[in-house]
Amino acid sequence: MAYSQTAEPTRRDFLFIATAAAGAVGAGAAVIPLIDQMNPAADVLALASIEVDLAPIQPGQSVTFTWRSHPLFVRRRTPEEIAAARAIKVDELLDPFARNPTLPENAPATDENRLHPSSGMAKPEWLVLVGVCTHLGCTPEASTAQSVQGEYGGWLCHCHGSQYDTAGRVRVGPAPRNLDVPTYVFLSDTRIRVG
């Protein structure tokens, strides 16, 4: 049976359209909660960024915080530590890349590139790193004035012997990459927000 273009809609046509519309609304109502449950929970959003007070951290001290369920290293480097980190040539490093999200992926791992500039001016005494060993995800131990870890004065992963210098760059061991630099900004001279 052929339909003509001037045929009046029938009750059957109305039922097909109404059923399709109701099905579309029902499918949308079922999908919205499914998609909404994929959003991060409130406690996860709360940890997405943290503020760190830098004032109590003394020169040469490394403090560990928790950020996104990972250790976060904040180190106030001494002038000697900064000089030692800047004296290293990039071609001597196991990982030549900075691993800094504010720079291109192929940026060299110079000490300056391992820092996060604030308002166009880097603060070289402050080093902020994600404290997860890039070998198997262990937490390296920081060197202090009382206890130097490894040969490079930075961090030592006791599990497999990876050693990081005072810029968080891997120098010895099975770790394939430098410690990552997170995204952070200086809110003031003594406060940063990470994330």
Protein backbone atom coordinates (compact mmCIF):
# COMPACT_ATOMS: atom_id res chain seq x y z
CA MET A 1 0.00 0.00 0.00
CA ALA A 2 1.47 3.31 -1.03
CA TYR A 3 1.02 6.42 1.05
CA SER A 4 0.26 9.70 -0.56
CA GLN A 5 1.76 12.95 0.59
CA THR A 6 -1.64 14.35 1.45
CA ALA A 7 -2.71 11.46 3.70
CA GLU A 8 -3.97 12.41 7.13
CA PRO A 9 -1.99 11.05 10.09
CA THR A 10 -3.69 8.10 11.67
CA ARG A 11 -4.03 7.05 15.25
CA ARG A 12 -1.35 4.43 14.61
CA ASP A 13 1.11 7.16 13.46
CA PHE A 14 0.42 9.10 16.65
CA LEU A 15 1.05 6.00 18.81
CA PHE A 16 4.38 5.32 17.04
CA ILE A 17 5.55 8.91 17.60
CA ALA A 18 4.34 8.99 21.23
CA THR A 19 6.00 5.65 22.00
CA ALA A 20 9.31 6.76 20.45
CA ALA A 21 9.23 10.06 22.38
CA ALA A 22 8.47 8.29 25.68
CA GLY A 23 11.28 5.82 25.00
CA ALA A 24 13.75 8.64 24.31
CA VAL A 25 12.76 10.46 27.52
CA GLY A 26 13.06 7.21 29.50
CA ALA A 27 16.48 6.43 28.05
CA GLY A 28 17.67 9.95 28.87
CA ALA A 29 16.37 9.63 32.43
CA ALA A 30 18.26 6.35 32.84
CA VAL A 31 21.53 7.66 31.37
CA ILE A 32 21.76 10.88 33.43
CA PRO A 33 22.34 9.13 36.81
CA LEU A 34 24.77 6.74 35.13
CA ILE A 35 26.86 9.61 33.82
CA ASP A 36 26.54 11.59 37.07
CA GLN A 37 27.94 8.71 39.13
CA MET A 38 31.15 8.92 37.08
CA ASN A 39 31.91 12.38 38.50
CA PRO A 40 34.48 12.51 41.31
CA ALA A 41 33.14 12.29 44.85
CA ALA A 42 33.23 15.33 47.13
CA ASP A 43 36.16 13.97 49.15
CA VAL A 44 38.17 13.45 45.96
CA LEU A 45 37.42 16.97 44.76
CA ALA A 46 38.54 18.32 48.13
CA LEU A 47 41.93 16.65 47.64
CA ALA A 48 42.29 17.81 44.04
CA SER A 49 44.16 20.86 45.27
CA ILE A 50 45.80 21.71 48.56
CA GLU A 51 47.39 24.80 50.03
CA VAL A 52 50.76 24.47 51.73
CA ASP A 53 52.18 26.93 54.25
CA LEU A 54 55.89 27.26 53.49
CA ALA A 55 56.77 29.48 56.47
CA PRO A 56 57.67 26.68 58.94
CA ILE A 57 59.95 24.84 56.47
CA GLN A 58 63.61 25.55 57.24
CA PRO A 59 66.44 25.70 54.66
CA GLY A 60 67.61 22.16 53.89
CA GLN A 61 64.35 20.64 55.14
CA SER A 62 62.02 18.47 53.07
CA VAL A 63 58.42 18.05 54.22
CA THR A 64 56.00 15.45 52.88
CA PHE A 65 52.30 16.21 52.41
CA THR A 66 49.50 14.09 50.97
CA TRP A 67 48.01 15.22 47.67
CA ARG A 68 45.65 13.09 45.57
CA SER A 69 46.54 10.10 47.77
CA HIS A 70 50.24 10.47 46.87
CA PRO A 71 53.16 11.91 48.78
CA LEU A 72 54.07 15.46 47.83
CA PHE A 73 57.62 16.62 48.58
CA VAL A 74 58.18 20.29 49.38
CA ARG A 75 61.84 21.09 49.90
CA ARG A 76 63.42 24.39 50.87
CA ARG A 77 66.81 24.10 49.28
CA THR A 78 69.96 25.72 50.60
CA PRO A 79 72.18 27.82 48.32
CA GLU A 80 74.64 24.90 48.29
CA GLU A 81 71.93 22.46 47.14
CA ILE A 82 70.85 24.85 44.39
CA ALA A 83 74.46 25.29 43.24
CA ALA A 84 75.03 21.51 43.23
CA ALA A 85 71.87 20.96 41.16
CA ARG A 86 72.80 23.67 38.66
CA ALA A 87 76.33 22.31 38.21
CA ILE A 88 75.02 19.07 36.69
CA LYS A 89 74.97 18.93 32.90
CA VAL A 90 71.82 17.52 31.30
CA ASP A 91 73.80 14.99 29.26
CA GLU A 92 74.97 13.39 32.56
CA LEU A 93 71.38 12.57 33.57
CA LEU A 94 69.56 9.27 33.09
CA ASP A 95 66.38 11.18 32.15
CA PRO A 96 67.12 14.36 30.17
CA PHE A 97 63.54 15.72 30.35
CA ALA A 98 62.20 18.23 32.89
CA ARG A 99 58.83 16.49 33.56
CA ASN A 100 57.31 19.89 34.31
CA PRO A 101 53.69 20.39 33.14
CA THR A 102 54.27 24.08 32.40
CA LEU A 103 56.96 23.31 29.83
CA PRO A 104 57.03 21.34 26.56
CA GLU A 105 57.50 17.57 26.97
CA ASN A 106 61.01 17.72 25.52
CA ALA A 107 62.24 20.57 27.79
CA PRO A 108 65.68 19.70 29.19
CA ALA A 109 65.99 18.71 32.87
CA THR A 110 67.98 21.75 33.94
CA ASP A 111 67.51 22.83 37.54
CA GLU A 112 65.63 25.92 36.37
CA ASN A 113 63.19 23.78 34.34
CA ARG A 114 62.42 21.64 37.40
CA LEU A 115 61.01 24.71 39.18
CA HIS A 116 57.64 26.30 38.72
CA PRO A 117 57.81 30.00 37.90
CA SER A 118 55.43 32.31 39.70
CA SER A 119 54.59 35.62 38.06
CA GLY A 120 57.47 35.12 35.66
CA MET A 121 60.04 34.79 38.46
CA ALA A 122 61.16 31.39 39.75
CA LYS A 123 61.85 30.87 43.43
CA PRO A 124 64.84 28.50 43.26
CA GLU A 125 64.86 27.64 46.97
CA TRP A 126 61.45 25.92 46.69
CA LEU A 127 61.24 22.55 45.00
CA VAL A 128 57.86 20.80 44.80
CA LEU A 129 57.68 17.21 43.53
CA VAL A 130 55.31 14.27 43.39
CA GLY A 131 57.00 11.88 45.81
CA VAL A 132 56.48 8.64 43.92
CA CYS A 133 59.51 6.71 42.68
CA THR A 134 59.18 6.29 38.94
CA HIS A 135 60.40 2.70 39.08
CA LEU A 136 57.69 0.86 41.03
CA GLY A 137 55.81 3.61 42.88
CA CYS A 138 57.62 3.50 46.23
CA THR A 139 58.14 6.63 48.33
CA PRO A 140 61.79 7.75 48.38
CA GLU A 141 63.28 9.05 51.64
CA ALA A 142 64.57 12.61 51.75
CA SER A 143 68.05 13.62 52.82
CA THR A 144 68.31 15.87 55.84
CA ALA A 145 71.20 17.61 57.58
CA GLN A 146 71.27 14.71 60.06
CA SER A 147 70.83 11.88 57.54
CA VAL A 148 72.04 12.12 53.96
CA GLN A 149 70.27 9.61 51.70
CA GLY A 150 72.35 8.39 48.79
CA GLU A 151 75.23 10.14 47.06
CA TYR A 152 73.38 13.13 45.60
CA GLY A 153 71.79 14.76 48.65
CA GLY A 154 68.20 14.48 47.42
CA TRP A 155 66.09 11.35 47.82
CA LEU A 156 66.82 7.63 48.01
CA CYS A 157 64.35 4.86 47.23
CA HIS A 158 65.47 2.08 49.58
CA CYS A 159 63.41 -0.57 47.78
CA HIS A 160 65.58 -0.77 44.65
CA GLY A 161 68.28 1.86 45.13
CA SER A 162 67.16 4.69 42.85
CA GLN A 163 68.78 7.97 43.88
CA TYR A 164 67.53 11.47 43.07
CA ASP A 165 69.49 14.71 43.33
CA THR A 166 68.42 18.01 44.92
CA ALA A 167 66.35 18.82 41.81
CA GLY A 168 64.49 15.46 41.94
CA ARG A 169 66.31 14.07 38.90
CA VAL A 170 67.15 10.36 38.84
CA ARG A 171 70.91 9.84 38.97
CA VAL A 172 71.40 6.14 39.79
CA GLY A 173 69.19 3.06 39.87
CA PRO A 174 66.39 1.42 37.94
CA ALA A 175 64.02 4.42 37.97
CA PRO A 176 63.49 5.44 34.33
CA ARG A 177 62.26 9.01 34.92
CA ASN A 178 62.79 12.05 37.08
CA LEU A 179 60.28 12.76 39.84
CA ASP A 180 57.32 14.65 38.38
CA VAL A 181 56.74 18.34 39.05
CA PRO A 182 53.06 18.98 39.86
CA THR A 183 51.09 22.02 38.79
CA TYR A 184 51.27 24.65 41.53
CA VAL A 185 51.21 28.41 42.02
CA PHE A 186 52.56 30.75 44.66
CA LEU A 187 49.69 32.50 46.44
CA SER A 188 52.20 34.55 48.44
CA ASP A 189 55.87 34.30 49.36
CA THR A 190 54.99 31.72 52.03
CA ARG A 191 52.01 29.86 50.57
CA ILE A 192 51.43 27.67 47.49
CA ARG A 193 48.40 25.91 46.01
CA VAL A 194 49.12 22.55 44.41
CA GLY A 195 46.69 21.19 41.84
